[in-house]
Amino acid sequence: MARTKDPAVRTLLIERAAHMLRTREPITLRSLVAGTCVSTMAVYTHFGGMDGVWKALRQEGFTRLAARFATMTASADPVRDLTALVAGYLGNALDHPDLYRVMFDATFDLEDLKAADATLEYLVQAVRRARDAERFRADVDPLELAIQSWAIGHGLVSLVANGPLPRRTLDHARPMLTALFVSAGDRPERCRASVDQGWEHLPPSGEQPGAEQS
């Protein structure tokens, strides 16, 4: 007889696994359920084993990123909005540095293979709006520019959230994004103003667990 899956138990185990990542605790079948009201069998019931837990953790990273993007409302300035999405991506990585690392561990598949594409789509739509508003040239490919914008953010934050460089390294994204958007057709002065406004969505240092400590 199949065991009934309780969503609350699944959520509990994912949250516990995410906490163990943050505190650098080894995640094993027994350590995951230690101190909880559930048995090791619950791990098999909800995830099919430890590989399933890692898949769920990877999924959780994209779920939290999508939730962050969903709270960001569009403005009349699509270049500002595109920058804000990159800043939001950086903020999410700093908030959840260990979960962020797992997001890009291709050792385990995602539970929903479209999850990464869904988060990228936020950037694609912002680029499309900028192109339609004639901030970018008509020949700009929204997907390509969105990927390039994401790559700038990903490259920098991967060196900060789980890497050797200080928090201020992220400020390099501003001139890099400006150069990218100007190459796509935006006017330099207007572009710099939009990027500066969008960059305000990155929380100040010290407001998240992954921030540089003084």
C-alpha atoms as a PDB file:
ATOM      1  CA  MET A   1       0.000   0.000   0.000  1.00  0.00           C
ATOM      2  CA  ALA A   2       1.433   3.350  -1.090  1.00  0.00           C
ATOM      3  CA  ARG A   3       2.138   5.915   1.592  1.00  0.00           C
ATOM      4  CA  THR A   4       0.265   9.218   1.391  1.00  0.00           C
ATOM      5  CA  LYS A   5       2.498  12.159   0.613  1.00  0.00           C
ATOM      6  CA  ASP A   6       2.078  15.064   3.012  1.00  0.00           C
ATOM      7  CA  PRO A   7       3.160  18.381   1.404  1.00  0.00           C
ATOM      8  CA  ALA A   8       4.030  19.748   4.839  1.00  0.00           C
ATOM      9  CA  VAL A   9       6.531  16.940   5.411  1.00  0.00           C
ATOM     10  CA  ARG A  10       8.111  17.518   2.005  1.00  0.00           C
ATOM     11  CA  THR A  11       8.452  21.239   2.755  1.00  0.00           C
ATOM     12  CA  LEU A  12       9.924  20.467   6.179  1.00  0.00           C
ATOM     13  CA  LEU A  13      12.581  18.206   4.703  1.00  0.00           C
ATOM     14  CA  ILE A  14      13.532  20.673   1.951  1.00  0.00           C
ATOM     15  CA  GLU A  15      13.819  23.512   4.466  1.00  0.00           C
ATOM     16  CA  ARG A  16      15.903  21.342   6.768  1.00  0.00           C
ATOM     17  CA  ALA A  17      18.197  20.293   3.937  1.00  0.00           C
ATOM     18  CA  ALA A  18      18.613  23.947   2.896  1.00  0.00           C
ATOM     19  CA  HIS A  19      19.473  24.853   6.496  1.00  0.00           C
ATOM     20  CA  MET A  20      22.029  22.067   6.651  1.00  0.00           C
ATOM     21  CA  LEU A  21      23.625  23.403   3.481  1.00  0.00           C
ATOM     22  CA  ARG A  22      23.940  26.850   5.074  1.00  0.00           C
ATOM     23  CA  THR A  23      25.500  25.450   8.248  1.00  0.00           C
ATOM     24  CA  ARG A  24      27.793  23.066   6.333  1.00  0.00           C
ATOM     25  CA  GLU A  25      26.321  19.987   7.997  1.00  0.00           C
ATOM     26  CA  PRO A  26      26.651  16.677   6.131  1.00  0.00           C
ATOM     27  CA  ILE A  27      23.310  15.761   4.602  1.00  0.00           C
ATOM     28  CA  THR A  28      22.629  12.063   4.965  1.00  0.00           C
ATOM     29  CA  LEU A  29      19.447  10.056   5.226  1.00  0.00           C
ATOM     30  CA  ARG A  30      19.642   9.916   9.014  1.00  0.00           C
ATOM     31  CA  SER A  31      20.937  13.442   9.642  1.00  0.00           C
ATOM     32  CA  LEU A  32      18.160  14.886   7.490  1.00  0.00           C
ATOM     33  CA  VAL A  33      15.414  13.509   9.711  1.00  0.00           C
ATOM     34  CA  ALA A  34      17.275  13.763  13.029  1.00  0.00           C
ATOM     35  CA  GLY A  35      15.321  15.877  15.505  1.00  0.00           C
ATOM     36  CA  THR A  36      12.186  15.896  13.359  1.00  0.00           C
ATOM     37  CA  CYS A  37       8.944  14.027  13.769  1.00  0.00           C
ATOM     38  CA  VAL A  38       9.414  12.047  10.565  1.00  0.00           C
ATOM     39  CA  SER A  39      11.224   8.805   9.803  1.00  0.00           C
ATOM     40  CA  THR A  40      13.801   7.982   7.161  1.00  0.00           C
ATOM     41  CA  MET A  41      10.998   6.329   5.197  1.00  0.00           C
ATOM     42  CA  ALA A  42       9.565   9.799   4.563  1.00  0.00           C
ATOM     43  CA  VAL A  43      12.634  10.620   2.469  1.00  0.00           C
ATOM     44  CA  TYR A  44      11.824   7.686   0.192  1.00  0.00           C
ATOM     45  CA  THR A  45       8.108   8.480   0.188  1.00  0.00           C
ATOM     46  CA  HIS A  46       8.603  12.091  -0.903  1.00  0.00           C
ATOM     47  CA  PHE A  47      11.867  12.008  -2.844  1.00  0.00           C
ATOM     48  CA  GLY A  48      12.623   8.382  -3.683  1.00  0.00           C
ATOM     49  CA  GLY A  49      15.904   8.611  -1.772  1.00  0.00           C
ATOM     50  CA  MET A  50      18.756  11.071  -1.274  1.00  0.00           C
ATOM     51  CA  ASP A  51      19.258  11.728  -4.993  1.00  0.00           C
ATOM     52  CA  GLY A  52      15.690  12.995  -5.028  1.00  0.00           C
ATOM     53  CA  VAL A  53      16.454  15.324  -2.118  1.00  0.00           C
ATOM     54  CA  TRP A  54      19.281  16.911  -4.088  1.00  0.00           C
ATOM     55  CA  LYS A  55      17.011  17.279  -7.115  1.00  0.00           C
ATOM     56  CA  ALA A  56      14.436  18.981  -4.904  1.00  0.00           C
ATOM     57  CA  LEU A  57      17.078  21.311  -3.459  1.00  0.00           C
ATOM     58  CA  ARG A  58      18.171  22.296  -6.944  1.00  0.00           C
ATOM     59  CA  GLN A  59      14.542  22.940  -7.825  1.00  0.00           C
ATOM     60  CA  GLU A  60      14.074  24.977  -4.659  1.00  0.00           C
ATOM     61  CA  GLY A  61      16.829  27.338  -5.763  1.00  0.00           C
ATOM     62  CA  PHE A  62      15.011  28.168  -8.984  1.00  0.00           C
ATOM     63  CA  THR A  63      11.672  28.340  -7.152  1.00  0.00           C
ATOM     64  CA  ARG A  64      13.040  31.008  -4.802  1.00  0.00           C
ATOM     65  CA  LEU A  65      14.591  32.920  -7.692  1.00  0.00           C
ATOM     66  CA  ALA A  66      11.290  32.882  -9.589  1.00  0.00           C
ATOM     67  CA  ALA A  67       9.461  34.060  -6.459  1.00  0.00           C
ATOM     68  CA  ARG A  68      11.900  36.966  -6.142  1.00  0.00           C
ATOM     69  CA  PHE A  69      11.460  37.932  -9.780  1.00  0.00           C
ATOM     70  CA  ALA A  70       7.674  37.753  -9.403  1.00  0.00           C
ATOM     71  CA  THR A  71       7.737  40.468  -6.736  1.00  0.00           C
ATOM     72  CA  MET A  72       9.528  42.902  -9.050  1.00  0.00           C
ATOM     73  CA  THR A  73       7.023  45.091 -10.861  1.00  0.00           C
ATOM     74  CA  ALA A  74       7.707  46.474 -14.321  1.00  0.00           C
ATOM     75  CA  SER A  75       8.271  50.201 -14.749  1.00  0.00           C
ATOM     76  CA  ALA A  76       8.148  52.491 -17.765  1.00  0.00           C
ATOM     77  CA  ASP A  77      11.902  51.942 -18.214  1.00  0.00           C
ATOM     78  CA  PRO A  78      12.646  48.424 -19.512  1.00  0.00           C
ATOM     79  CA  VAL A  79      16.438  48.890 -19.301  1.00  0.00           C
ATOM     80  CA  ARG A  80      16.082  49.778 -15.645  1.00  0.00           C
ATOM     81  CA  ASP A  81      13.880  46.691 -15.220  1.00  0.00           C
ATOM     82  CA  LEU A  82      16.393  44.421 -16.940  1.00  0.00           C
ATOM     83  CA  THR A  83      19.128  45.697 -14.635  1.00  0.00           C
ATOM     84  CA  ALA A  84      16.842  45.240 -11.624  1.00  0.00           C
ATOM     85  CA  LEU A  85      16.332  41.592 -12.578  1.00  0.00           C
ATOM     86  CA  VAL A  86      20.099  41.036 -12.731  1.00  0.00           C
ATOM     87  CA  ALA A  87      20.422  42.767  -9.347  1.00  0.00           C
ATOM     88  CA  GLY A  88      17.621  40.562  -8.009  1.00  0.00           C
ATOM     89  CA  TYR A  89      19.489  37.503  -9.265  1.00  0.00           C
ATOM     90  CA  LEU A  90      22.594  38.623  -7.401  1.00  0.00           C
ATOM     91  CA  GLY A  91      20.592  39.313  -4.255  1.00  0.00           C
ATOM     92  CA  ASN A  92      19.043  35.851  -4.391  1.00  0.00           C
ATOM     93  CA  ALA A  93      22.481  34.256  -4.698  1.00  0.00           C
ATOM     94  CA  LEU A  94      23.762  36.255  -1.726  1.00  0.00           C
ATOM     95  CA  ASP A  95      20.707  35.338   0.344  1.00  0.00           C
ATOM     96  CA  HIS A  96      21.127  31.617  -0.399  1.00  0.00           C
ATOM     97  CA  PRO A  97      24.780  31.043  -1.363  1.00  0.00           C
ATOM     98  CA  ASP A  98      24.815  27.305  -0.772  1.00  0.00           C
ATOM     99  CA  LEU A  99      21.454  26.732  -2.416  1.00  0.00           C
ATOM    100  CA  TYR A 100      22.720  28.881  -5.291  1.00  0.00           C
ATOM    101  CA  ARG A 101      25.669  26.536  -5.731  1.00  0.00           C
ATOM    102  CA  VAL A 102      23.360  23.508  -5.880  1.00  0.00           C
ATOM    103  CA  MET A 103      21.170  25.223  -8.510  1.00  0.00           C
ATOM    104  CA  PHE A 104      23.948  24.787 -11.051  1.00  0.00           C
ATOM    105  CA  ASP A 105      25.069  21.311 -10.053  1.00  0.00           C
ATOM    106  CA  ALA A 106      24.180  19.362 -13.185  1.00  0.00           C
ATOM    107  CA  THR A 107      24.898  16.092 -11.363  1.00  0.00           C
ATOM    108  CA  PHE A 108      21.201  16.039 -10.511  1.00  0.00           C
ATOM    109  CA  ASP A 109      18.323  16.866 -12.836  1.00  0.00           C
ATOM    110  CA  LEU A 110      15.675  19.401 -11.967  1.00  0.00           C
ATOM    111  CA  GLU A 111      12.263  18.074 -10.971  1.00  0.00           C
ATOM    112  CA  ASP A 112      10.789  20.598 -13.428  1.00  0.00           C
ATOM    113  CA  LEU A 113      13.181  20.912 -16.352  1.00  0.00           C
ATOM    114  CA  LYS A 114      11.528  24.154 -17.464  1.00  0.00           C
ATOM    115  CA  ALA A 115      12.261  25.942 -14.189  1.00  0.00           C
ATOM    116  CA  ALA A 116      15.526  27.527 -15.326  1.00  0.00           C
ATOM    117  CA  ASP A 117      13.959  28.627 -18.607  1.00  0.00           C
ATOM    118  CA  ALA A 118      11.067  30.197 -16.699  1.00  0.00           C
ATOM    119  CA  THR A 119      13.412  32.425 -14.690  1.00  0.00           C
ATOM    120  CA  LEU A 120      15.392  33.372 -17.786  1.00  0.00           C
ATOM    121  CA  GLU A 121      12.131  34.347 -19.473  1.00  0.00           C
ATOM    122  CA  TYR A 122      11.796  37.310 -17.102  1.00  0.00           C
ATOM    123  CA  LEU A 123      14.973  38.757 -18.594  1.00  0.00           C
ATOM    124  CA  VAL A 124      13.922  37.872 -22.133  1.00  0.00           C
ATOM    125  CA  GLN A 125      10.683  39.806 -21.721  1.00  0.00           C
ATOM    126  CA  ALA A 126      12.531  42.842 -20.348  1.00  0.00           C
ATOM    127  CA  VAL A 127      14.861  42.821 -23.364  1.00  0.00           C
ATOM    128  CA  ARG A 128      11.887  42.489 -25.703  1.00  0.00           C
ATOM    129  CA  ARG A 129      10.213  45.479 -24.055  1.00  0.00           C
ATOM    130  CA  ALA A 130      13.407  47.520 -24.428  1.00  0.00           C
ATOM    131  CA  ARG A 131      13.632  46.584 -28.089  1.00  0.00           C
ATOM    132  CA  ASP A 132       9.977  47.445 -28.677  1.00  0.00           C
ATOM    133  CA  ALA A 133      10.557  50.804 -26.956  1.00  0.00           C
ATOM    134  CA  GLU A 134      13.480  51.389 -29.345  1.00  0.00           C
ATOM    135  CA  ARG A 135      16.028  51.434 -26.530  1.00  0.00           C
ATOM    136  CA  PHE A 136      17.692  48.497 -28.278  1.00  0.00           C
ATOM    137  CA  ARG A 137      18.104  47.948 -32.013  1.00  0.00           C
ATOM    138  CA  ALA A 138      15.417  46.073 -33.908  1.00  0.00           C
ATOM    139  CA  ASP A 139      17.875  43.294 -34.764  1.00  0.00           C
ATOM    140  CA  VAL A 140      18.655  42.480 -31.118  1.00  0.00           C
ATOM    141  CA  ASP A 141      17.754  38.896 -30.182  1.00  0.00           C
ATOM    142  CA  PRO A 142      15.977  39.048 -26.777  1.00  0.00           C
ATOM    143  CA  LEU A 143      17.129  35.578 -25.754  1.00  0.00           C
ATOM    144  CA  GLU A 144      20.769  36.230 -26.643  1.00  0.00           C
ATOM    145  CA  LEU A 145      20.924  39.560 -24.804  1.00  0.00           C
ATOM    146  CA  ALA A 146      19.103  38.072 -21.811  1.00  0.00           C
ATOM    147  CA  ILE A 147      21.674  35.258 -21.626  1.00  0.00           C
ATOM    148  CA  GLN A 148      24.543  37.755 -21.898  1.00  0.00           C
ATOM    149  CA  SER A 149      23.029  39.844 -19.081  1.00  0.00           C
ATOM    150  CA  TRP A 150      22.564  36.749 -16.926  1.00  0.00           C
ATOM    151  CA  ALA A 151      26.127  35.632 -17.656  1.00  0.00           C
ATOM    152  CA  ILE A 152      27.528  38.924 -16.371  1.00  0.00           C
ATOM    153  CA  GLY A 153      25.621  38.572 -13.114  1.00  0.00           C
ATOM    154  CA  HIS A 154      26.331  34.859 -12.748  1.00  0.00           C
ATOM    155  CA  GLY A 155      30.044  35.214 -13.382  1.00  0.00           C
ATOM    156  CA  LEU A 156      30.496  37.927 -10.786  1.00  0.00           C
ATOM    157  CA  VAL A 157      28.271  36.541  -8.043  1.00  0.00           C
ATOM    158  CA  SER A 158      29.784  33.064  -8.344  1.00  0.00           C
ATOM    159  CA  LEU A 159      33.075  34.672  -7.311  1.00  0.00           C
ATOM    160  CA  VAL A 160      31.447  36.367  -4.317  1.00  0.00           C
ATOM    161  CA  ALA A 161      28.665  34.153  -2.931  1.00  0.00           C
ATOM    162  CA  ASN A 162      30.843  31.036  -2.747  1.00  0.00           C
ATOM    163  CA  GLY A 163      34.156  32.417  -3.881  1.00  0.00           C
ATOM    164  CA  PRO A 164      37.198  34.411  -2.873  1.00  0.00           C
ATOM    165  CA  LEU A 165      36.263  37.944  -3.892  1.00  0.00           C
ATOM    166  CA  PRO A 166      34.670  40.660  -1.701  1.00  0.00           C
ATOM    167  CA  ARG A 167      31.102  41.923  -1.991  1.00  0.00           C
ATOM    168  CA  ARG A 168      32.163  45.156  -3.725  1.00  0.00           C
ATOM    169  CA  THR A 169      33.222  43.028  -6.734  1.00  0.00           C
ATOM    170  CA  LEU A 170      29.575  43.012  -7.791  1.00  0.00           C
ATOM    171  CA  ASP A 171      29.789  46.720  -8.608  1.00  0.00           C
ATOM    172  CA  HIS A 172      31.688  45.748 -11.757  1.00  0.00           C
ATOM    173  CA  ALA A 173      28.345  44.632 -13.138  1.00  0.00           C
ATOM    174  CA  ARG A 174      27.194  48.206 -13.595  1.00  0.00           C
ATOM    175  CA  PRO A 175      29.744  49.272 -16.247  1.00  0.00           C
ATOM    176  CA  MET A 176      29.614  45.796 -17.797  1.00  0.00           C
ATOM    177  CA  LEU A 177      25.832  45.910 -18.181  1.00  0.00           C
ATOM    178  CA  THR A 178      26.008  49.492 -19.438  1.00  0.00           C
ATOM    179  CA  ALA A 179      28.544  48.515 -22.097  1.00  0.00           C
ATOM    180  CA  LEU A 180      26.399  45.549 -23.129  1.00  0.00           C
ATOM    181  CA  PHE A 181      23.229  47.604 -23.419  1.00  0.00           C
ATOM    182  CA  VAL A 182      24.953  50.425 -25.287  1.00  0.00           C
ATOM    183  CA  SER A 183      26.318  47.851 -27.741  1.00  0.00           C
ATOM    184  CA  ALA A 184      22.689  46.772 -28.215  1.00  0.00           C
ATOM    185  CA  GLY A 185      21.755  50.302 -29.241  1.00  0.00           C
ATOM    186  CA  ASP A 186      20.927  52.243 -26.083  1.00  0.00           C
ATOM    187  CA  ARG A 187      22.244  55.799 -25.698  1.00  0.00           C
ATOM    188  CA  PRO A 188      25.149  55.952 -23.213  1.00  0.00           C
ATOM    189  CA  GLU A 189      23.881  58.637 -20.829  1.00  0.00           C
ATOM    190  CA  ARG A 190      20.344  57.326 -20.750  1.00  0.00           C
ATOM    191  CA  CYS A 191      21.630  53.794 -20.327  1.00  0.00           C
ATOM    192  CA  ARG A 192      23.849  54.701 -17.377  1.00  0.00           C
ATOM    193  CA  ALA A 193      20.914  56.377 -15.641  1.00  0.00           C
ATOM    194  CA  SER A 194      18.685  53.333 -16.173  1.00  0.00           C
ATOM    195  CA  VAL A 195      21.362  50.917 -14.956  1.00  0.00           C
ATOM    196  CA  ASP A 196      21.992  53.029 -11.860  1.00  0.00           C
ATOM    197  CA  GLN A 197      18.268  52.997 -11.032  1.00  0.00           C
ATOM    198  CA  GLY A 198      17.946  49.256 -11.598  1.00  0.00           C
ATOM    199  CA  TRP A 199      21.036  48.557  -9.520  1.00  0.00           C
ATOM    200  CA  GLU A 200      19.251  49.960  -6.475  1.00  0.00           C
ATOM    201  CA  HIS A 201      17.434  46.596  -6.257  1.00  0.00           C
ATOM    202  CA  LEU A 202      20.634  44.987  -4.983  1.00  0.00           C
ATOM    203  CA  PRO A 203      20.412  45.120  -1.163  1.00  0.00           C
ATOM    204  CA  PRO A 204      23.240  46.994   0.583  1.00  0.00           C
ATOM    205  CA  SER A 205      26.098  44.937   1.959  1.00  0.00           C
ATOM    206  CA  GLY A 206      25.246  43.320   5.282  1.00  0.00           C
ATOM    207  CA  GLU A 207      21.522  42.781   4.643  1.00  0.00           C
ATOM    208  CA  GLN A 208      21.877  39.158   3.594  1.00  0.00           C
ATOM    209  CA  PRO A 209      23.762  36.134   4.904  1.00  0.00           C
ATOM    210  CA  GLY A 210      26.149  36.028   1.958  1.00  0.00           C
ATOM    211  CA  ALA A 211      27.119  39.688   2.161  1.00  0.00           C
ATOM    212  CA  GLU A 212      30.680  40.757   2.782  1.00  0.00           C
ATOM    213  CA  GLN A 213      31.317  41.190   6.455  1.00  0.00           C
ATOM    214  CA  SER A 214      33.190  44.213   7.733  1.00  0.00           C
END
